[in-house]
């Protein structure tokens, strides 16, 4: 059976698998080689350049799709972190850990202007993250853990801006990823007026 004679559902499934394979290869490659072009992506995916262009009309289109994929993965990690459970401060730290682990190795891609796409697409991409964080901040304010009296969306905007700043520093090679992640945690806690969780005391020496 040739591709043209396959049932439409089978052709769509094959096309979706092919697109996903190209996108997976692009994310892996761009993490190591931010300047990689469409031909390099095709080679990494084991397909022809024409196949890559069949799914993505341009390199910018591919970068935007990769940013969509990474953001979706981050949202899934946030949901796994159970942000609606336990003290809000601890949930906030889980949020930061989940988002940073998803974004740290892909800072260049997620902050590249060509990857953001149109403003509407960029807003839609960030909305699931923003909404989860708004709920978390509202919960923390209600519980007295976060600064009261300030609009939750303002605090969220500050948190997101700090995340972008940390990503920019890593992407530019000015700050190591681990140091930026630790600084982000500390700074966000201070912005939200949350108490820094106490570290467990070390075991006494014998």
N, C-alpha and C. Protein backbone atom coordinates (compact mmCIF):
# COMPACT_ATOMS: atom_id res chain seq x y z
N UNK A 1 0.85 -1.19 0.00
CA UNK A 1 0.00 0.00 0.00
C UNK A 1 0.88 1.24 0.00
N UNK A 2 0.71 2.10 -0.97
CA UNK A 2 1.49 3.32 -1.06
C UNK A 2 0.89 4.38 -0.14
N UNK A 3 1.69 5.40 0.23
CA UNK A 3 1.15 6.45 1.12
C UNK A 3 -0.12 7.08 0.59
N UNK A 4 -0.23 7.23 -0.75
CA UNK A 4 -1.40 7.91 -1.30
C UNK A 4 -2.65 7.06 -1.22
N UNK A 5 -2.48 5.73 -1.06
CA UNK A 5 -3.66 4.86 -0.99
C UNK A 5 -4.00 4.44 0.43
N UNK A 6 -3.22 4.91 1.42
CA UNK A 6 -3.52 4.58 2.80
C UNK A 6 -4.77 5.33 3.26
N UNK A 7 -5.50 4.77 4.21
CA UNK A 7 -6.67 5.48 4.76
C UNK A 7 -6.24 6.83 5.34
N UNK A 8 -7.10 7.85 5.27
CA UNK A 8 -6.73 9.19 5.79
C UNK A 8 -6.25 9.16 7.23
N UNK A 9 -6.90 8.37 8.08
CA UNK A 9 -6.50 8.33 9.49
C UNK A 9 -5.07 7.80 9.62
N UNK A 10 -4.74 6.77 8.84
CA UNK A 10 -3.38 6.21 8.87
C UNK A 10 -2.37 7.24 8.38
N UNK A 11 -2.71 7.97 7.33
CA UNK A 11 -1.78 8.98 6.82
C UNK A 11 -1.55 10.08 7.84
N UNK A 12 -2.63 10.49 8.53
CA UNK A 12 -2.48 11.53 9.55
C UNK A 12 -1.60 11.03 10.69
N UNK A 13 -1.81 9.79 11.12
CA UNK A 13 -1.00 9.23 12.21
C UNK A 13 0.46 9.14 11.81
N UNK A 14 0.72 8.72 10.58
CA UNK A 14 2.11 8.65 10.10
C UNK A 14 2.73 10.04 10.05
N UNK A 15 1.96 11.02 9.59
CA UNK A 15 2.47 12.39 9.51
C UNK A 15 2.76 12.95 10.90
N UNK A 16 1.90 12.64 11.87
CA UNK A 16 2.11 13.13 13.23
C UNK A 16 3.35 12.51 13.85
N UNK A 17 3.56 11.20 13.59
CA UNK A 17 4.77 10.55 14.11
C UNK A 17 6.02 11.14 13.47
N UNK A 18 5.95 11.39 12.17
CA UNK A 18 7.09 11.98 11.47
C UNK A 18 7.40 13.38 12.01
N UNK A 19 6.36 14.17 12.21
CA UNK A 19 6.55 15.52 12.74
C UNK A 19 7.15 15.48 14.14
N UNK A 20 6.64 14.56 14.99
CA UNK A 20 7.15 14.44 16.34
C UNK A 20 8.62 14.03 16.34
N UNK A 21 9.00 13.13 15.42
CA UNK A 21 10.39 12.69 15.34
C UNK A 21 11.30 13.84 14.94
N UNK A 22 10.86 14.65 13.99
CA UNK A 22 11.65 15.81 13.57
C UNK A 22 11.78 16.80 14.72
N UNK A 23 10.69 17.02 15.44
CA UNK A 23 10.71 17.97 16.55
C UNK A 23 11.62 17.48 17.68
N UNK A 24 11.55 16.19 17.99
CA UNK A 24 12.43 15.62 19.01
C UNK A 24 13.89 15.82 18.64
N UNK A 25 14.21 15.52 17.38
CA UNK A 25 15.59 15.67 16.92
C UNK A 25 16.02 17.13 16.97
N UNK A 26 15.12 18.04 16.61
CA UNK A 26 15.46 19.46 16.62
C UNK A 26 15.76 19.95 18.04
N UNK A 27 14.95 19.54 19.00
CA UNK A 27 15.17 19.97 20.38
C UNK A 27 16.52 19.47 20.88
N UNK A 28 16.83 18.20 20.61
CA UNK A 28 18.12 17.64 21.05
C UNK A 28 19.29 18.36 20.38
N UNK A 29 19.16 18.59 19.08
CA UNK A 29 20.25 19.21 18.33
C UNK A 29 20.46 20.67 18.72
N UNK A 30 19.38 21.43 18.81
CA UNK A 30 19.49 22.85 19.11
C UNK A 30 20.02 23.10 20.52
N UNK A 31 19.81 22.14 21.39
CA UNK A 31 20.37 22.27 22.74
C UNK A 31 21.90 22.30 22.68
N UNK A 32 22.47 21.56 21.73
CA UNK A 32 23.93 21.51 21.58
C UNK A 32 24.45 22.52 20.57
N UNK A 33 23.64 22.75 19.52
CA UNK A 33 24.07 23.63 18.43
C UNK A 33 22.95 24.62 18.11
N UNK A 34 22.91 25.73 18.81
CA UNK A 34 21.82 26.69 18.61
C UNK A 34 21.72 27.23 17.19
N UNK A 35 22.83 27.17 16.45
CA UNK A 35 22.81 27.71 15.09
C UNK A 35 22.49 26.66 14.03
N UNK A 36 22.12 25.46 14.45
CA UNK A 36 21.86 24.38 13.49
C UNK A 36 20.73 24.77 12.53
N UNK A 37 20.92 24.44 11.26
CA UNK A 37 19.92 24.75 10.24
C UNK A 37 19.02 23.57 9.94
N UNK A 38 18.16 23.73 8.98
CA UNK A 38 17.17 22.71 8.65
C UNK A 38 17.83 21.44 8.12
N UNK A 39 18.92 21.59 7.38
CA UNK A 39 19.60 20.41 6.86
C UNK A 39 20.18 19.57 8.00
N UNK A 40 20.75 20.23 9.00
CA UNK A 40 21.30 19.52 10.15
C UNK A 40 20.20 18.83 10.94
N UNK A 41 19.06 19.48 11.07
CA UNK A 41 17.92 18.87 11.76
C UNK A 41 17.45 17.64 11.00
N UNK A 42 17.38 17.74 9.68
CA UNK A 42 16.97 16.60 8.87
C UNK A 42 17.92 15.42 9.07
N UNK A 43 19.22 15.70 9.08
CA UNK A 43 20.20 14.64 9.29
C UNK A 43 20.04 14.01 10.66
N UNK A 44 19.84 14.85 11.69
CA UNK A 44 19.67 14.33 13.04
C UNK A 44 18.42 13.47 13.17
N UNK A 45 17.37 13.83 12.42
CA UNK A 45 16.11 13.09 12.48
C UNK A 45 16.10 11.87 11.56
N UNK A 46 17.10 11.79 10.69
CA UNK A 46 17.15 10.67 9.76
C UNK A 46 16.13 10.76 8.64
N UNK A 47 15.81 12.00 8.25
CA UNK A 47 14.85 12.21 7.17
C UNK A 47 15.46 13.19 6.17
N UNK A 48 14.75 13.40 5.08
CA UNK A 48 15.23 14.36 4.09
C UNK A 48 14.89 15.78 4.51
N UNK A 49 15.59 16.72 3.92
CA UNK A 49 15.30 18.13 4.18
C UNK A 49 13.88 18.47 3.75
N UNK A 50 13.43 17.86 2.66
CA UNK A 50 12.08 18.10 2.17
C UNK A 50 11.04 17.68 3.20
N UNK A 51 11.33 16.59 3.92
CA UNK A 51 10.41 16.12 4.95
C UNK A 51 10.30 17.15 6.08
N UNK A 52 11.42 17.72 6.47
CA UNK A 52 11.40 18.74 7.52
C UNK A 52 10.55 19.92 7.08
N UNK A 53 10.75 20.36 5.82
CA UNK A 53 9.99 21.50 5.33
C UNK A 53 8.51 21.15 5.12
N UNK A 54 8.20 19.88 4.96
CA UNK A 54 6.80 19.49 4.83
C UNK A 54 6.05 19.72 6.14
N UNK A 55 6.77 19.65 7.25
CA UNK A 55 6.14 19.84 8.57
C UNK A 55 6.31 21.27 9.09
N UNK A 56 7.42 21.91 8.74
CA UNK A 56 7.73 23.24 9.26
C UNK A 56 8.17 24.12 8.09
N UNK A 57 7.44 25.19 7.87
CA UNK A 57 7.66 26.00 6.67
C UNK A 57 8.97 26.77 6.70
N UNK A 58 9.54 26.98 7.89
CA UNK A 58 10.77 27.74 8.01
C UNK A 58 11.47 27.36 9.31
N UNK A 59 12.70 27.81 9.46
CA UNK A 59 13.42 27.54 10.71
C UNK A 59 12.72 28.22 11.88
N UNK A 60 12.21 29.42 11.68
CA UNK A 60 11.49 30.11 12.75
C UNK A 60 10.26 29.32 13.17
N UNK A 61 9.56 28.74 12.20
CA UNK A 61 8.39 27.91 12.50
C UNK A 61 8.80 26.69 13.33
N UNK A 62 9.93 26.10 12.98
CA UNK A 62 10.44 24.95 13.74
C UNK A 62 10.82 25.35 15.16
N UNK A 63 11.48 26.49 15.30
CA UNK A 63 11.88 26.96 16.64
C UNK A 63 10.66 27.24 17.51
N UNK A 64 9.63 27.85 16.92
CA UNK A 64 8.41 28.13 17.69
C UNK A 64 7.74 26.84 18.13
N UNK A 65 7.73 25.84 17.25
CA UNK A 65 7.13 24.55 17.60
C UNK A 65 7.93 23.87 18.70
N UNK A 66 9.25 24.00 18.65
CA UNK A 66 10.08 23.43 19.70
C UNK A 66 9.81 24.12 21.04
N UNK A 67 9.64 25.44 21.02
CA UNK A 67 9.32 26.17 22.25
C UNK A 67 7.96 25.73 22.79
N UNK A 68 6.99 25.49 21.90
CA UNK A 68 5.69 24.98 22.32
C UNK A 68 5.85 23.63 23.02
N UNK A 69 6.67 22.75 22.42
CA UNK A 69 6.87 21.42 23.00
C UNK A 69 7.49 21.51 24.38
N UNK A 70 8.53 22.31 24.53
CA UNK A 70 9.21 22.43 25.81
C UNK A 70 8.30 23.01 26.88
N UNK A 71 7.48 23.98 26.50
CA UNK A 71 6.55 24.57 27.46
C UNK A 71 5.49 23.56 27.88
N UNK A 72 5.00 22.77 26.94
CA UNK A 72 4.02 21.73 27.27
C UNK A 72 4.62 20.71 28.22
N UNK A 73 5.89 20.36 28.00
CA UNK A 73 6.56 19.42 28.91
C UNK A 73 6.70 20.03 30.30
N UNK A 74 6.99 21.33 30.35
CA UNK A 74 7.12 21.99 31.65
C UNK A 74 5.79 22.01 32.39
N UNK A 75 4.70 22.27 31.68
CA UNK A 75 3.37 22.28 32.30
C UNK A 75 3.03 20.89 32.85
N UNK A 76 3.38 19.85 32.09
CA UNK A 76 3.13 18.49 32.57
C UNK A 76 3.92 18.22 33.85
N UNK A 77 5.17 18.72 33.91
CA UNK A 77 5.98 18.55 35.11
C UNK A 77 5.38 19.31 36.29
N UNK A 78 4.83 20.48 36.02
CA UNK A 78 4.18 21.26 37.09
C UNK A 78 2.97 20.51 37.64
N UNK A 79 2.19 19.91 36.77
CA UNK A 79 1.01 19.17 37.22
C UNK A 79 1.43 17.96 38.05
N UNK A 80 2.52 17.34 37.68
CA UNK A 80 3.03 16.21 38.46
C UNK A 80 3.48 16.67 39.84
N UNK A 81 3.90 17.94 39.95
CA UNK A 81 4.40 18.47 41.21
C UNK A 81 3.29 18.80 42.21
N UNK A 82 2.03 18.59 41.84
CA UNK A 82 0.89 18.77 42.77
C UNK A 82 0.91 20.15 43.41
N UNK A 83 0.77 21.17 42.60
CA UNK A 83 0.88 22.54 43.09
C UNK A 83 -0.28 22.96 43.99
N UNK A 84 -1.38 22.23 43.95
CA UNK A 84 -2.54 22.58 44.78
C UNK A 84 -2.51 21.90 46.14
N UNK A 85 -1.43 21.20 46.43
CA UNK A 85 -1.35 20.45 47.68
C UNK A 85 -0.26 21.01 48.59
N UNK A 86 -0.49 20.89 49.91
CA UNK A 86 0.51 21.28 50.88
C UNK A 86 0.68 22.78 51.02
N UNK A 87 1.63 23.22 51.86
CA UNK A 87 1.88 24.66 52.03
C UNK A 87 2.24 25.31 50.70
N UNK A 88 1.76 26.53 50.52
CA UNK A 88 1.98 27.22 49.25
C UNK A 88 3.47 27.47 48.98
N UNK A 89 4.23 27.76 50.02
CA UNK A 89 5.65 28.02 49.83
C UNK A 89 6.36 26.78 49.29
N UNK A 90 6.04 25.63 49.86
CA UNK A 90 6.65 24.40 49.36
C UNK A 90 6.20 24.12 47.93
N UNK A 91 4.93 24.40 47.65
CA UNK A 91 4.42 24.20 46.28
C UNK A 91 5.12 25.15 45.32
N UNK A 92 5.39 26.38 45.77
CA UNK A 92 6.11 27.34 44.94
C UNK A 92 7.50 26.82 44.59
N UNK A 93 8.18 26.24 45.57
CA UNK A 93 9.51 25.69 45.29
C UNK A 93 9.43 24.52 44.31
N UNK A 94 8.37 23.72 44.43
CA UNK A 94 8.19 22.63 43.46
C UNK A 94 7.93 23.19 42.07
N UNK A 95 7.15 24.28 42.01
CA UNK A 95 6.90 24.94 40.73
C UNK A 95 8.21 25.42 40.11
N UNK A 96 9.03 26.08 40.89
CA UNK A 96 10.29 26.61 40.38
C UNK A 96 11.22 25.49 39.95
N UNK A 97 11.27 24.42 40.73
CA UNK A 97 12.12 23.29 40.36
C UNK A 97 11.66 22.66 39.05
N UNK A 98 10.34 22.48 38.92
CA UNK A 98 9.80 21.85 37.71
C UNK A 98 10.04 22.71 36.49
N UNK A 99 9.78 24.02 36.63
CA UNK A 99 9.95 24.90 35.47
C UNK A 99 11.42 25.06 35.12
N UNK A 100 12.28 25.20 36.12
CA UNK A 100 13.69 25.42 35.83
C UNK A 100 14.33 24.18 35.22
N UNK A 101 14.00 23.01 35.73
CA UNK A 101 14.58 21.78 35.16
C UNK A 101 14.17 21.61 33.71
N UNK A 102 12.96 22.08 33.36
CA UNK A 102 12.50 21.96 31.97
C UNK A 102 13.16 23.01 31.08
N UNK A 103 13.45 24.19 31.63
CA UNK A 103 13.94 25.30 30.82
C UNK A 103 15.46 25.46 30.84
N UNK A 104 16.11 24.97 31.89
CA UNK A 104 17.54 25.27 32.08
C UNK A 104 18.39 24.87 30.88
N UNK A 105 18.21 23.66 30.38
CA UNK A 105 19.04 23.18 29.28
C UNK A 105 18.60 23.72 27.92
N UNK A 106 17.50 24.46 27.91
CA UNK A 106 16.97 24.97 26.65
C UNK A 106 16.81 26.49 26.69
N UNK A 107 17.63 27.14 27.51
CA UNK A 107 17.47 28.58 27.73
C UNK A 107 17.60 29.35 26.43
N UNK A 108 18.58 29.00 25.60
CA UNK A 108 18.75 29.75 24.36
C UNK A 108 17.51 29.66 23.49
N UNK A 109 17.00 28.45 23.33
CA UNK A 109 15.85 28.25 22.44
C UNK A 109 14.63 29.01 22.95
N UNK A 110 14.37 28.92 24.24
CA UNK A 110 13.16 29.52 24.78
C UNK A 110 13.23 31.04 24.83
N UNK A 111 14.44 31.59 24.73
CA UNK A 111 14.58 33.05 24.78
C UNK A 111 14.95 33.64 23.43
N UNK A 112 15.05 32.81 22.40
CA UNK A 112 15.37 33.33 21.08
C UNK A 112 14.16 34.06 20.51
N UNK A 113 14.34 35.27 20.01
CA UNK A 113 13.21 36.03 19.45
C UNK A 113 12.48 35.27 18.36
N UNK A 114 13.22 34.51 17.55
CA UNK A 114 12.59 33.77 16.45
C UNK A 114 11.76 32.61 16.94
N UNK A 115 11.94 32.20 18.21
CA UNK A 115 11.19 31.07 18.74
C UNK A 115 9.88 31.49 19.38
N UNK A 116 9.74 32.76 19.70
CA UNK A 116 8.53 33.18 20.39
C UNK A 116 7.32 33.19 19.47
N UNK A 117 7.55 33.48 18.18
CA UNK A 117 6.43 33.53 17.25
C UNK A 117 5.61 34.79 17.46
N UNK A 118 4.45 34.86 16.81
CA UNK A 118 3.58 36.03 16.98
C UNK A 118 3.19 36.22 18.44
N UNK A 119 2.85 37.45 18.81
CA UNK A 119 2.52 37.75 20.20
C UNK A 119 1.39 36.87 20.72
N UNK A 120 0.39 36.61 19.87
CA UNK A 120 -0.74 35.78 20.29
C UNK A 120 -0.28 34.36 20.63
N UNK A 121 0.61 33.83 19.82
CA UNK A 121 1.11 32.48 20.07
C UNK A 121 1.93 32.44 21.34
N UNK A 122 2.75 33.47 21.57
CA UNK A 122 3.58 33.50 22.77
C UNK A 122 2.71 33.60 24.02
N UNK A 123 1.65 34.43 23.96
CA UNK A 123 0.75 34.54 25.11
C UNK A 123 0.04 33.22 25.37
N UNK A 124 -0.43 32.58 24.32
CA UNK A 124 -1.12 31.30 24.47
C UNK A 124 -0.19 30.24 25.05
N UNK A 125 1.08 30.30 24.66
CA UNK A 125 2.06 29.34 25.16
C UNK A 125 2.26 29.50 26.66
N UNK A 126 2.31 30.75 27.13
CA UNK A 126 2.60 31.01 28.53
C UNK A 126 1.36 30.94 29.43
N UNK A 127 0.18 31.00 28.85
CA UNK A 127 -1.04 31.08 29.66
C UNK A 127 -1.20 29.91 30.63
N UNK A 128 -0.96 28.65 30.22
CA UNK A 128 -1.11 27.56 31.20
C UNK A 128 -0.16 27.70 32.39
N UNK A 129 1.05 28.18 32.14
CA UNK A 129 2.00 28.39 33.23
C UNK A 129 1.50 29.52 34.13
N UNK A 130 1.07 30.61 33.52
CA UNK A 130 0.61 31.77 34.29
C UNK A 130 -0.59 31.43 35.16
N UNK A 131 -1.56 30.71 34.60
CA UNK A 131 -2.76 30.40 35.36
C UNK A 131 -2.45 29.52 36.56
N UNK A 132 -1.56 28.57 36.41
CA UNK A 132 -1.19 27.72 37.54
C UNK A 132 -0.49 28.53 38.62
N UNK A 133 0.34 29.44 38.21
CA UNK A 133 1.06 30.26 39.18
C UNK A 133 0.13 31.26 39.86
N UNK A 134 -0.85 31.80 39.14
CA UNK A 134 -1.82 32.71 39.76
C UNK A 134 -2.58 31.99 40.87
N UNK A 135 -3.05 30.79 40.59
CA UNK A 135 -3.78 30.01 41.61
C UNK A 135 -2.90 29.77 42.83
N UNK A 136 -1.64 29.48 42.58
CA UNK A 136 -0.72 29.20 43.68
C UNK A 136 -0.48 30.45 44.52
N UNK A 137 -0.29 31.60 43.87
CA UNK A 137 -0.07 32.85 44.61
C UNK A 137 -1.32 33.22 45.41
N UNK A 138 -2.49 33.07 44.81
CA UNK A 138 -3.74 33.36 45.53
C UNK A 138 -3.86 32.48 46.77
N UNK A 139 -3.50 31.22 46.61
CA UNK A 139 -3.58 30.30 47.76
C UNK A 139 -2.59 30.71 48.85
N UNK A 140 -1.39 31.12 48.44
CA UNK A 140 -0.40 31.54 49.41
C UNK A 140 -0.79 32.82 50.13
N UNK A 141 -1.42 33.74 49.42
CA UNK A 141 -1.88 34.97 50.07
C UNK A 141 -3.00 34.68 51.05
N UNK A 142 -3.93 33.81 50.66
CA UNK A 142 -5.04 33.47 51.54
C UNK A 142 -4.56 32.79 52.82
N UNK A 143 -3.47 32.04 52.70
CA UNK A 143 -2.93 31.33 53.86
C UNK A 143 -1.97 32.19 54.67
N UNK A 144 -1.70 33.41 54.21
CA UNK A 144 -0.79 34.28 54.93
C UNK A 144 0.68 33.97 54.69
N UNK A 145 0.97 33.17 53.67
CA UNK A 145 2.36 32.82 53.38
C UNK A 145 3.04 33.83 52.45
N UNK A 146 2.26 34.48 51.59
CA UNK A 146 2.79 35.43 50.63
C UNK A 146 2.31 36.83 50.95
N UNK A 147 2.99 37.83 50.41
CA UNK A 147 2.66 39.23 50.65
C UNK A 147 1.21 39.53 50.30
N UNK A 148 0.42 40.04 51.26
CA UNK A 148 -0.97 40.39 50.97
C UNK A 148 -1.05 41.78 50.34
N UNK A 149 -2.19 42.09 49.76
CA UNK A 149 -2.44 43.45 49.28
C UNK A 149 -1.93 43.74 47.89
N UNK A 150 -1.10 42.88 47.31
CA UNK A 150 -0.63 43.08 45.95
C UNK A 150 -1.38 42.14 45.02
N UNK A 151 -1.70 42.62 43.82
CA UNK A 151 -2.45 41.80 42.88
C UNK A 151 -1.67 40.53 42.54
N UNK A 152 -2.33 39.36 42.60
CA UNK A 152 -1.63 38.12 42.28
C UNK A 152 -0.96 38.15 40.92
N UNK A 153 -1.63 38.74 39.93
CA UNK A 153 -1.04 38.75 38.59
C UNK A 153 0.21 39.64 38.53
N UNK A 154 0.28 40.65 39.39
CA UNK A 154 1.50 41.46 39.44
C UNK A 154 2.64 40.62 40.00
N UNK A 155 2.38 39.88 41.06
CA UNK A 155 3.41 39.02 41.63
C UNK A 155 3.82 37.93 40.64
N UNK A 156 2.86 37.41 39.89
CA UNK A 156 3.18 36.41 38.88
C UNK A 156 4.03 37.02 37.78
N UNK A 157 3.68 38.24 37.35
CA UNK A 157 4.47 38.91 36.31
C UNK A 157 5.92 39.10 36.77
N UNK A 158 6.10 39.46 38.04
CA UNK A 158 7.44 39.62 38.57
C UNK A 158 8.18 38.28 38.58
N UNK A 159 7.49 37.23 38.96
CA UNK A 159 8.11 35.90 39.00
C UNK A 159 8.53 35.45 37.61
N UNK A 160 7.65 35.64 36.64
CA UNK A 160 7.97 35.26 35.26
C UNK A 160 9.15 36.07 34.73
N UNK A 161 9.16 37.37 35.04
CA UNK A 161 10.25 38.23 34.58
C UNK A 161 11.59 37.77 35.17
N UNK A 162 11.57 37.37 36.43
CA UNK A 162 12.78 36.87 37.06
C UNK A 162 13.24 35.57 36.40
N UNK A 163 12.28 34.71 36.04
CA UNK A 163 12.63 33.48 35.35
C UNK A 163 13.28 33.74 34.02
N UNK A 164 12.73 34.72 33.28
CA UNK A 164 13.33 35.08 31.99
C UNK A 164 14.73 35.66 32.18
N UNK A 165 14.90 36.48 33.22
CA UNK A 165 16.22 37.07 33.48
C UNK A 165 17.24 35.98 33.79
N UNK A 166 16.82 35.00 34.59
CA UNK A 166 17.73 33.90 34.90
C UNK A 166 18.09 33.12 33.64
N UNK A 167 17.10 32.88 32.80
CA UNK A 167 17.35 32.18 31.55
C UNK A 167 18.28 32.95 30.64
N UNK A 168 18.13 34.27 30.59
CA UNK A 168 19.00 35.11 29.76
C UNK A 168 20.45 35.01 30.23
N UNK A 169 20.64 35.01 31.54
CA UNK A 169 22.01 34.93 32.07
C UNK A 169 22.66 33.60 31.72
N UNK A 170 21.88 32.53 31.81
CA UNK A 170 22.42 31.21 31.46
C UNK A 170 22.70 31.13 29.96
N UNK A 171 21.76 31.61 29.16
CA UNK A 171 21.92 31.56 27.70
C UNK A 171 23.14 32.35 27.25
N UNK A 172 23.43 33.45 27.93
CA UNK A 172 24.57 34.29 27.57
C UNK A 172 25.88 33.76 28.14
N UNK A 173 25.81 32.70 28.95
CA UNK A 173 27.01 32.13 29.52
C UNK A 173 27.59 32.91 30.68
N UNK A 174 26.80 33.83 31.25
CA UNK A 174 27.32 34.65 32.34
C UNK A 174 27.17 33.98 33.71
N UNK A 175 26.19 33.09 33.83
CA UNK A 175 25.94 32.43 35.11
C UNK A 175 25.68 30.94 34.84
N UNK A 176 26.31 30.05 35.60
CA UNK A 176 26.02 28.62 35.43
C UNK A 176 24.57 28.32 35.76
N UNK A 177 24.03 27.29 35.14
CA UNK A 177 22.62 26.96 35.33
C UNK A 177 22.23 26.71 36.77
N UNK A 178 23.05 25.95 37.50
CA UNK A 178 22.72 25.64 38.90
C UNK A 178 22.69 26.90 39.75
N UNK A 179 23.66 27.79 39.54
CA UNK A 179 23.71 29.02 40.32
C UNK A 179 22.52 29.91 39.99
N UNK A 180 22.15 29.98 38.72
CA UNK A 180 21.00 30.80 38.33
C UNK A 180 19.72 30.24 38.93
N UNK A 181 19.57 28.92 38.93
CA UNK A 181 18.38 28.32 39.51
C UNK A 181 18.27 28.59 40.99
N UNK A 182 19.39 28.50 41.70
CA UNK A 182 19.38 28.78 43.15
C UNK A 182 19.06 30.24 43.42
N UNK A 183 19.65 31.15 42.63
CA UNK A 183 19.37 32.57 42.80
C UNK A 183 17.91 32.88 42.50
N UNK A 184 17.37 32.21 41.50
CA UNK A 184 15.96 32.42 41.15
C UNK A 184 15.06 32.03 42.31
N UNK A 185 15.31 30.91 42.92
CA UNK A 185 14.50 30.46 44.06
C UNK A 185 14.53 31.50 45.18
N UNK A 186 15.72 31.94 45.54
CA UNK A 186 15.86 32.89 46.64
C UNK A 186 15.15 34.21 46.33
N UNK A 187 15.34 34.71 45.11
CA UNK A 187 14.77 36.00 44.74
C UNK A 187 13.26 35.94 44.67
N UNK A 188 12.70 34.88 44.09
CA UNK A 188 11.25 34.76 44.01
C UNK A 188 10.63 34.67 45.39
N UNK A 189 11.24 33.93 46.29
CA UNK A 189 10.72 33.85 47.66
C UNK A 189 10.67 35.23 48.30
N UNK A 190 11.70 36.03 48.07
CA UNK A 190 11.73 37.38 48.65
C UNK A 190 10.69 38.29 48.01
N UNK A 191 10.52 38.19 46.69
CA UNK A 191 9.52 39.01 46.01
C UNK A 191 8.13 38.71 46.53
N UNK A 192 7.84 37.44 46.78
CA UNK A 192 6.51 37.05 47.24
C UNK A 192 6.37 37.16 48.75
N UNK A 193 7.44 37.54 49.44
CA UNK A 193 7.37 37.68 50.89
C UNK A 193 7.27 36.36 51.61
N UNK A 194 7.76 35.30 50.99
CA UNK A 194 7.69 33.97 51.60
C UNK A 194 8.94 33.72 52.43
N UNK A 195 8.76 32.98 53.50
CA UNK A 195 9.89 32.65 54.36
C UNK A 195 10.75 31.58 53.69
N UNK A 196 12.05 31.77 53.75
CA UNK A 196 12.98 30.78 53.21
C UNK A 196 12.89 29.52 54.06
N UNK A 197 12.59 28.38 53.45
CA UNK A 197 12.49 27.14 54.24
C UNK A 197 13.81 26.86 54.95
N UNK A 198 13.71 26.45 56.19
CA UNK A 198 14.92 26.16 56.96
C UNK A 198 15.58 24.89 56.44
N UNK A 199 16.89 24.91 56.41
CA UNK A 199 17.62 23.73 55.97
C UNK A 199 17.75 22.76 57.13
N UNK A 200 17.68 21.47 56.84
CA UNK A 200 17.85 20.50 57.92
C UNK A 200 19.25 20.59 58.50
N UNK A 201 19.31 20.48 59.82
CA UNK A 201 20.62 20.54 60.47
C UNK A 201 21.43 19.30 60.12
N UNK A 202 22.73 19.50 59.98
CA UNK A 202 23.59 18.36 59.68
C UNK A 202 23.71 17.46 60.89
N UNK A 203 23.96 16.20 60.62
CA UNK A 203 24.10 15.25 61.73
C UNK A 203 25.35 15.58 62.53
N UNK A 204 25.27 15.49 63.86
CA UNK A 204 26.46 15.77 64.67
C UNK A 204 27.57 14.77 64.39
N UNK A 205 28.79 15.24 64.45
CA UNK A 205 29.91 14.35 64.23
C UNK A 205 30.16 13.52 65.48
N UNK A 206 30.57 12.30 65.22
CA UNK A 206 30.88 11.41 66.35
C UNK A 206 32.38 11.17 66.39
